[in-house]
Amino acid sequence: MATQTYETLSNKFIQIFRRQQDDLPAHVTRDVYFEDQGLGHPDTGYYLDTPRGKRPIEFIQVNDSYHWVRLHQNQNVWETNLQGIYNGPEVGWWLIIDPQHPNYIRQEANVSHTIAAVTTALQQLPTRPNTPDHPTIMEGQQEDINVATGQAQAEAQRINIITPSNGALKGNPPVIFTGDRNTSRKFINNFDLWRLLNQNNDTMKKPLSRIVTSLVTWTATK
């Protein structure tokens, strides 16, 4: 059952339809628990134990926000109002990685902007010239980058940073990006193919971990 959406809460009581199945994640329910008295039974739904006893409670959406609300039974109808909103430490809320979180779409946009910015930066890197008699300033900087890359590579291998909790990533990651802008598009295309191959893996499904993996791949892949 999807979260019920309501336009507003005021001092006036409105009818609330209780969930008929336990379909909220643990980080939203926290200490709230579900009791199943049978489909359609008025007592089926979420409850919270309080010093005053067991209280019926429901998680609803009001415009662009979400609230846990205490319920009041009026005959066979469950109701709540503005005073019914409950924000105690016993209840949870959406994590930022949940699509239901109001800022989730904005986060995806930020990640897209990050990818675009990184891609632009890669394409603007100068092409490494043929080896001259004396290294240029840029080549000196590149040597510093290579040293840092080796250090990052060793550290990433030590902590196995790109191995997700639900299994290792399939296939081979892109070949290490060396700073040559002529190979930046190839790297990005190869990473996209690697991402599609692992589209059901937690590492690629979550925007933040996907960005971290791509950054680590630039410095930690042999």
Foldseek 3Di string as FASTA:
>chain_A
DDAAEDAAFAPDKDFDDADQDDDDDCQFAQQKDFDHPDPPDLPGHIWHQDPVGIWGWHWHHHVLDIFIFTWDDDPSTTITGPVRTDDDPRGHDDDLQDPSHSCVVVVVVVLVVVVVVVLVVLLPQAADDDDDPDDDPVVVVLVVVLVVLVVLQVVCVVVVLQADPVGRQDDAQAAADSSGSVCSVVNVVRNVVSLVSCVVPPCSVGSVSVVVVSVSSNRHHD
